[in-house]
Amino acid sequence: MSNNRELALTVALEAVINAARSLHVDVEELCETAIESLLVVPSSVSPIVVEAIRQIEVAADALDYGESASG
């Protein structure tokens, strides 16, 4: 994947999580549910799935950090 596409997807994921938060969605529960959906078939967990989970966690943490740094 090109660096521009990867960066765009990271920004998009953070925007979706931030939008969910602004709609009063429990973002922690949303992220946990998304991760669980990736692990439905544990025997097929590939490196891509592991990286996707890591990116969900990083995006949620980045927004948590931004919220606490500004508030």
PDB file of N, CA and C in Angstrom:
ATOM      1  N   MET A   1       0.854  -1.168   0.000  1.00  0.00           N
ATOM      2  CA  MET A   1       0.000   0.000   0.000  1.00  0.00           C
ATOM      3  C   MET A   1       0.899   1.230   0.000  1.00  0.00           C
ATOM      4  N   SER A   2       0.543   2.231  -0.777  1.00  0.00           N
ATOM      5  CA  SER A   2       1.350   3.440  -0.827  1.00  0.00           C
ATOM      6  C   SER A   2       1.243   4.191   0.494  1.00  0.00           C
ATOM      7  N   ASN A   3       2.270   4.978   0.783  1.00  0.00           N
ATOM      8  CA  ASN A   3       2.270   5.747   2.028  1.00  0.00           C
ATOM      9  C   ASN A   3       1.105   6.721   2.095  1.00  0.00           C
ATOM     10  N   ASN A   4       0.745   7.342   0.947  1.00  0.00           N
ATOM     11  CA  ASN A   4      -0.382   8.282   0.940  1.00  0.00           C
ATOM     12  C   ASN A   4      -1.690   7.576   1.262  1.00  0.00           C
ATOM     13  N   ARG A   5      -1.880   6.411   0.703  1.00  0.00           N
ATOM     14  CA  ARG A   5      -3.116   5.656   0.962  1.00  0.00           C
ATOM     15  C   ARG A   5      -3.162   5.220   2.422  1.00  0.00           C
ATOM     16  N   GLU A   6      -2.033   4.741   2.930  1.00  0.00           N
ATOM     17  CA  GLU A   6      -1.968   4.311   4.327  1.00  0.00           C
ATOM     18  C   GLU A   6      -2.264   5.475   5.271  1.00  0.00           C
ATOM     19  N   LEU A   7      -1.685   6.624   4.994  1.00  0.00           N
ATOM     20  CA  LEU A   7      -1.939   7.807   5.814  1.00  0.00           C
ATOM     21  C   LEU A   7      -3.402   8.227   5.727  1.00  0.00           C
ATOM     22  N   ALA A   8      -3.952   8.196   4.520  1.00  0.00           N
ATOM     23  CA  ALA A   8      -5.362   8.573   4.340  1.00  0.00           C
ATOM     24  C   ALA A   8      -6.283   7.633   5.107  1.00  0.00           C
ATOM     25  N   LEU A   9      -5.996   6.341   5.095  1.00  0.00           N
ATOM     26  CA  LEU A   9      -6.827   5.392   5.836  1.00  0.00           C
ATOM     27  C   LEU A   9      -6.704   5.597   7.344  1.00  0.00           C
ATOM     28  N   THR A  10      -5.515   5.928   7.809  1.00  0.00           N
ATOM     29  CA  THR A  10      -5.322   6.208   9.235  1.00  0.00           C
ATOM     30  C   THR A  10      -6.129   7.437   9.647  1.00  0.00           C
ATOM     31  N   VAL A  11      -6.051   8.494   8.850  1.00  0.00           N
ATOM     32  CA  VAL A  11      -6.809   9.717   9.136  1.00  0.00           C
ATOM     33  C   VAL A  11      -8.308   9.428   9.085  1.00  0.00           C
ATOM     34  N   ALA A  12      -8.733   8.634   8.110  1.00  0.00           N
ATOM     35  CA  ALA A  12     -10.152   8.291   7.995  1.00  0.00           C
ATOM     36  C   ALA A  12     -10.633   7.508   9.214  1.00  0.00           C
ATOM     37  N   LEU A  13      -9.833   6.549   9.677  1.00  0.00           N
ATOM     38  CA  LEU A  13     -10.204   5.762  10.851  1.00  0.00           C
ATOM     39  C   LEU A  13     -10.336   6.663  12.076  1.00  0.00           C
ATOM     40  N   GLU A  14      -9.384   7.570  12.255  1.00  0.00           N
ATOM     41  CA  GLU A  14      -9.465   8.496  13.384  1.00  0.00           C
ATOM     42  C   GLU A  14     -10.705   9.384  13.280  1.00  0.00           C
ATOM     43  N   ALA A  15     -11.046   9.816  12.067  1.00  0.00           N
ATOM     44  CA  ALA A  15     -12.230  10.656  11.871  1.00  0.00           C
ATOM     45  C   ALA A  15     -13.506   9.897  12.209  1.00  0.00           C
ATOM     46  N   VAL A  16     -13.589   8.638  11.811  1.00  0.00           N
ATOM     47  CA  VAL A  16     -14.772   7.826  12.111  1.00  0.00           C
ATOM     48  C   VAL A  16     -14.910   7.621  13.621  1.00  0.00           C
ATOM     49  N   ILE A  17     -13.804   7.327  14.279  1.00  0.00           N
ATOM     50  CA  ILE A  17     -13.852   7.140  15.735  1.00  0.00           C
ATOM     51  C   ILE A  17     -14.226   8.448  16.421  1.00  0.00           C
ATOM     52  N   ASN A  18     -13.678   9.555  15.947  1.00  0.00           N
ATOM     53  CA  ASN A  18     -14.004  10.853  16.532  1.00  0.00           C
ATOM     54  C   ASN A  18     -15.477  11.196  16.308  1.00  0.00           C
ATOM     55  N   ALA A  19     -16.006  10.896  15.126  1.00  0.00           N
ATOM     56  CA  ALA A  19     -17.419  11.146  14.842  1.00  0.00           C
ATOM     57  C   ALA A  19     -18.307  10.293  15.744  1.00  0.00           C
ATOM     58  N   ALA A  20     -17.911   9.054  15.943  1.00  0.00           N
ATOM     59  CA  ALA A  20     -18.682   8.187  16.847  1.00  0.00           C
ATOM     60  C   ALA A  20     -18.714   8.781  18.250  1.00  0.00           C
ATOM     61  N   ARG A  21     -17.580   9.269  18.698  1.00  0.00           N
ATOM     62  CA  ARG A  21     -17.520   9.890  20.024  1.00  0.00           C
ATOM     63  C   ARG A  21     -18.439  11.105  20.098  1.00  0.00           C
ATOM     64  N   SER A  22     -18.445  11.927  19.047  1.00  0.00           N
ATOM     65  CA  SER A  22     -19.291  13.128  19.067  1.00  0.00           C
ATOM     66  C   SER A  22     -20.771  12.773  19.041  1.00  0.00           C
ATOM     67  N   LEU A  23     -21.089  11.563  18.572  1.00  0.00           N
ATOM     68  CA  LEU A  23     -22.470  11.080  18.582  1.00  0.00           C
ATOM     69  C   LEU A  23     -22.792  10.295  19.856  1.00  0.00           C
ATOM     70  N   HIS A  24     -21.882  10.384  20.818  1.00  0.00           N
ATOM     71  CA  HIS A  24     -22.042   9.754  22.127  1.00  0.00           C
ATOM     72  C   HIS A  24     -22.042   8.234  22.067  1.00  0.00           C
ATOM     73  N   VAL A  25     -21.317   7.698  21.104  1.00  0.00           N
ATOM     74  CA  VAL A  25     -21.113   6.252  21.019  1.00  0.00           C
ATOM     75  C   VAL A  25     -20.000   5.909  21.997  1.00  0.00           C
ATOM     76  N   ASP A  26     -20.120   4.808  22.686  1.00  0.00           N
ATOM     77  CA  ASP A  26     -19.058   4.337  23.569  1.00  0.00           C
ATOM     78  C   ASP A  26     -17.923   3.838  22.670  1.00  0.00           C
ATOM     79  N   VAL A  27     -16.902   4.673  22.501  1.00  0.00           N
ATOM     80  CA  VAL A  27     -15.833   4.379  21.551  1.00  0.00           C
ATOM     81  C   VAL A  27     -15.033   3.156  21.979  1.00  0.00           C
ATOM     82  N   GLU A  28     -14.839   2.980  23.261  1.00  0.00           N
ATOM     83  CA  GLU A  28     -14.117   1.792  23.729  1.00  0.00           C
ATOM     84  C   GLU A  28     -14.879   0.531  23.333  1.00  0.00           C
ATOM     85  N   GLU A  29     -16.189   0.541  23.536  1.00  0.00           N
ATOM     86  CA  GLU A  29     -17.006  -0.614  23.159  1.00  0.00           C
ATOM     87  C   GLU A  29     -17.016  -0.800  21.640  1.00  0.00           C
ATOM     88  N   LEU A  30     -17.085   0.293  20.901  1.00  0.00           N
ATOM     89  CA  LEU A  30     -17.047   0.223  19.442  1.00  0.00           C
ATOM     90  C   LEU A  30     -15.758  -0.443  18.968  1.00  0.00           C
ATOM     91  N   CYS A  31     -14.627  -0.007  19.511  1.00  0.00           N
ATOM     92  CA  CYS A  31     -13.339  -0.573  19.109  1.00  0.00           C
ATOM     93  C   CYS A  31     -13.231  -2.038  19.506  1.00  0.00           C
ATOM     94  N   GLU A  32     -13.689  -2.375  20.716  1.00  0.00           N
ATOM     95  CA  GLU A  32     -13.652  -3.779  21.155  1.00  0.00           C
ATOM     96  C   GLU A  32     -14.504  -4.659  20.244  1.00  0.00           C
ATOM     97  N   THR A  33     -15.677  -4.152  19.861  1.00  0.00           N
ATOM     98  CA  THR A  33     -16.564  -4.916  18.986  1.00  0.00           C
ATOM     99  C   THR A  33     -15.947  -5.081  17.604  1.00  0.00           C
ATOM    100  N   ALA A  34     -15.317  -4.031  17.106  1.00  0.00           N
ATOM    101  CA  ALA A  34     -14.647  -4.125  15.802  1.00  0.00           C
ATOM    102  C   ALA A  34     -13.529  -5.158  15.846  1.00  0.00           C
ATOM    103  N   ILE A  35     -12.745  -5.127  16.910  1.00  0.00           N
ATOM    104  CA  ILE A  35     -11.656  -6.095  17.059  1.00  0.00           C
ATOM    105  C   ILE A  35     -12.209  -7.505  17.161  1.00  0.00           C
ATOM    106  N   GLU A  36     -13.256  -7.692  17.952  1.00  0.00           N
ATOM    107  CA  GLU A  36     -13.876  -9.019  18.076  1.00  0.00           C
ATOM    108  C   GLU A  36     -14.360  -9.523  16.717  1.00  0.00           C
ATOM    109  N   SER A  37     -14.883  -8.607  15.896  1.00  0.00           N
ATOM    110  CA  SER A  37     -15.380  -9.030  14.577  1.00  0.00           C
ATOM    111  C   SER A  37     -14.237  -9.511  13.681  1.00  0.00           C
ATOM    112  N   LEU A  38     -13.040  -8.982  13.915  1.00  0.00           N
ATOM    113  CA  LEU A  38     -11.875  -9.436  13.149  1.00  0.00           C
ATOM    114  C   LEU A  38     -11.361 -10.781  13.640  1.00  0.00           C
ATOM    115  N   LEU A  39     -11.742 -11.153  14.849  1.00  0.00           N
ATOM    116  CA  LEU A  39     -11.247 -12.386  15.454  1.00  0.00           C
ATOM    117  C   LEU A  39     -12.289 -13.501  15.481  1.00  0.00           C
ATOM    118  N   VAL A  40     -13.329 -13.381  14.668  1.00  0.00           N
ATOM    119  CA  VAL A  40     -14.406 -14.372  14.644  1.00  0.00           C
ATOM    120  C   VAL A  40     -13.857 -15.765  14.352  1.00  0.00           C
ATOM    121  N   VAL A  41     -12.914 -15.839  13.440  1.00  0.00           N
ATOM    122  CA  VAL A  41     -12.298 -17.118  13.100  1.00  0.00           C
ATOM    123  C   VAL A  41     -10.816 -17.030  13.484  1.00  0.00           C
ATOM    124  N   PRO A  42     -10.503 -17.329  14.774  1.00  0.00           N
ATOM    125  CA  PRO A  42      -9.129 -17.148  15.248  1.00  0.00           C
ATOM    126  C   PRO A  42      -8.082 -17.894  14.435  1.00  0.00           C
ATOM    127  N   SER A  43      -8.441 -19.027  13.847  1.00  0.00           N
ATOM    128  CA  SER A  43      -7.456 -19.795  13.082  1.00  0.00           C
ATOM    129  C   SER A  43      -7.026 -19.072  11.804  1.00  0.00           C
ATOM    130  N   SER A  44      -7.799 -18.062  11.388  1.00  0.00           N
ATOM    131  CA  SER A  44      -7.445 -17.353  10.161  1.00  0.00           C
ATOM    132  C   SER A  44      -6.890 -15.955  10.433  1.00  0.00           C
ATOM    133  N   VAL A  45      -6.422 -15.717  11.662  1.00  0.00           N
ATOM    134  CA  VAL A  45      -5.866 -14.413  11.985  1.00  0.00           C
ATOM    135  C   VAL A  45      -4.526 -14.272  11.270  1.00  0.00           C
ATOM    136  N   SER A  46      -4.512 -13.369  10.320  1.00  0.00           N
ATOM    137  CA  SER A  46      -3.318 -13.149   9.506  1.00  0.00           C
ATOM    138  C   SER A  46      -2.565 -11.930  10.027  1.00  0.00           C
ATOM    139  N   PRO A  47      -1.365 -11.700   9.538  1.00  0.00           N
ATOM    140  CA  PRO A  47      -0.629 -10.492   9.917  1.00  0.00           C
ATOM    141  C   PRO A  47      -1.399  -9.206   9.591  1.00  0.00           C
ATOM    142  N   ILE A  48      -2.201  -9.242   8.534  1.00  0.00           N
ATOM    143  CA  ILE A  48      -3.007  -8.066   8.175  1.00  0.00           C
ATOM    144  C   ILE A  48      -4.062  -7.800   9.243  1.00  0.00           C
ATOM    145  N   VAL A  49      -4.697  -8.849   9.744  1.00  0.00           N
ATOM    146  CA  VAL A  49      -5.697  -8.693  10.810  1.00  0.00           C
ATOM    147  C   VAL A  49      -5.032  -8.166  12.071  1.00  0.00           C
ATOM    148  N   VAL A  50      -3.876  -8.686  12.403  1.00  0.00           N
ATOM    149  CA  VAL A  50      -3.137  -8.209  13.582  1.00  0.00           C
ATOM    150  C   VAL A  50      -2.820  -6.725  13.427  1.00  0.00           C
ATOM    151  N   GLU A  51      -2.391  -6.325  12.242  1.00  0.00           N
ATOM    152  CA  GLU A  51      -2.077  -4.909  11.993  1.00  0.00           C
ATOM    153  C   GLU A  51      -3.346  -4.058  12.039  1.00  0.00           C
ATOM    154  N   ALA A  52      -4.455  -4.571  11.524  1.00  0.00           N
ATOM    155  CA  ALA A  52      -5.722  -3.835  11.574  1.00  0.00           C
ATOM    156  C   ALA A  52      -6.135  -3.588  13.022  1.00  0.00           C
ATOM    157  N   ILE A  53      -5.995  -4.599  13.856  1.00  0.00           N
ATOM    158  CA  ILE A  53      -6.313  -4.445  15.278  1.00  0.00           C
ATOM    159  C   ILE A  53      -5.412  -3.390  15.902  1.00  0.00           C
ATOM    160  N   ARG A  54      -4.129  -3.448  15.580  1.00  0.00           N
ATOM    161  CA  ARG A  54      -3.191  -2.466  16.119  1.00  0.00           C
ATOM    162  C   ARG A  54      -3.582  -1.054  15.686  1.00  0.00           C
ATOM    163  N   GLN A  55      -3.997  -0.905  14.445  1.00  0.00           N
ATOM    164  CA  GLN A  55      -4.375   0.420  13.949  1.00  0.00           C
ATOM    165  C   GLN A  55      -5.638   0.948  14.631  1.00  0.00           C
ATOM    166  N   ILE A  56      -6.592   0.073  14.913  1.00  0.00           N
ATOM    167  CA  ILE A  56      -7.789   0.491  15.653  1.00  0.00           C
ATOM    168  C   ILE A  56      -7.376   1.013  17.021  1.00  0.00           C
ATOM    169  N   GLU A  57      -6.517   0.269  17.703  1.00  0.00           N
ATOM    170  CA  GLU A  57      -6.065   0.668  19.033  1.00  0.00           C
ATOM    171  C   GLU A  57      -5.269   1.970  18.987  1.00  0.00           C
ATOM    172  N   VAL A  58      -4.398   2.119  18.000  1.00  0.00           N
ATOM    173  CA  VAL A  58      -3.596   3.335  17.872  1.00  0.00           C
ATOM    174  C   VAL A  58      -4.492   4.544  17.603  1.00  0.00           C
ATOM    175  N   ALA A  59      -5.484   4.382  16.720  1.00  0.00           N
ATOM    176  CA  ALA A  59      -6.380   5.495  16.402  1.00  0.00           C
ATOM    177  C   ALA A  59      -7.186   5.919  17.627  1.00  0.00           C
ATOM    178  N   ALA A  60      -7.695   4.954  18.361  1.00  0.00           N
ATOM    179  CA  ALA A  60      -8.461   5.280  19.570  1.00  0.00           C
ATOM    180  C   ALA A  60      -7.571   5.950  20.610  1.00  0.00           C
ATOM    181  N   ASP A  61      -6.366   5.438  20.783  1.00  0.00           N
ATOM    182  CA  ASP A  61      -5.432   6.034  21.742  1.00  0.00           C
ATOM    183  C   ASP A  61      -5.037   7.443  21.327  1.00  0.00           C
ATOM    184  N   ALA A  62      -4.848   7.676  20.029  1.00  0.00           N
ATOM    185  CA  ALA A  62      -4.463   8.999  19.543  1.00  0.00           C
ATOM    186  C   ALA A  62      -5.555  10.018  19.862  1.00  0.00           C
ATOM    187  N   LEU A  63      -6.802   9.611  19.707  1.00  0.00           N
ATOM    188  CA  LEU A  63      -7.898  10.526  20.024  1.00  0.00           C
ATOM    189  C   LEU A  63      -8.016  10.746  21.522  1.00  0.00           C
ATOM    190  N   ASP A  64      -7.773   9.707  22.314  1.00  0.00           N
ATOM    191  CA  ASP A  64      -7.777   9.861  23.768  1.00  0.00           C
ATOM    192  C   ASP A  64      -6.702  10.837  24.192  1.00  0.00           C
ATOM    193  N   TYR A  65      -5.524  10.710  23.613  1.00  0.00           N
ATOM    194  CA  TYR A  65      -4.420  11.598  23.947  1.00  0.00           C
ATOM    195  C   TYR A  65      -4.748  13.032  23.541  1.00  0.00           C
ATOM    196  N   GLY A  66      -5.285  13.201  22.350  1.00  0.00           N
ATOM    197  CA  GLY A  66      -5.649  14.543  21.872  1.00  0.00           C
ATOM    198  C   GLY A  66      -6.699  15.181  22.745  1.00  0.00           C
ATOM    199  N   GLU A  67      -7.655  14.385  23.205  1.00  0.00           N
ATOM    200  CA  GLU A  67      -8.716  14.910  24.065  1.00  0.00           C
ATOM    201  C   GLU A  67      -8.149  15.336  25.413  1.00  0.00           C
ATOM    202  N   SER A  68      -7.271  14.511  26.000  1.00  0.00           N
ATOM    203  CA  SER A  68      -6.728  14.853  27.304  1.00  0.00           C
ATOM    204  C   SER A  68      -5.711  15.981  27.207  1.00  0.00           C
ATOM    205  N   ALA A  69      -5.016  16.108  26.075  1.00  0.00           N
ATOM    206  CA  ALA A  69      -4.028  17.168  25.916  1.00  0.00           C
ATOM    207  C   ALA A  69      -4.709  18.516  25.725  1.00  0.00           C
ATOM    208  N   SER A  70      -5.889  18.501  25.100  1.00  0.00           N
ATOM    209  CA  SER A  70      -6.566  19.777  24.866  1.00  0.00           C
ATOM    210  C   SER A  70      -7.570  20.118  25.948  1.00  0.00           C
ATOM    211  N   GLY A  71      -7.921  19.151  26.793  1.00  0.00           N
ATOM    212  CA  GLY A  71      -8.964  19.390  27.784  1.00  0.00           C
ATOM    213  C   GLY A  71      -8.508  19.245  29.121  1.00  0.00           C
TER     214      GLY A  71
END
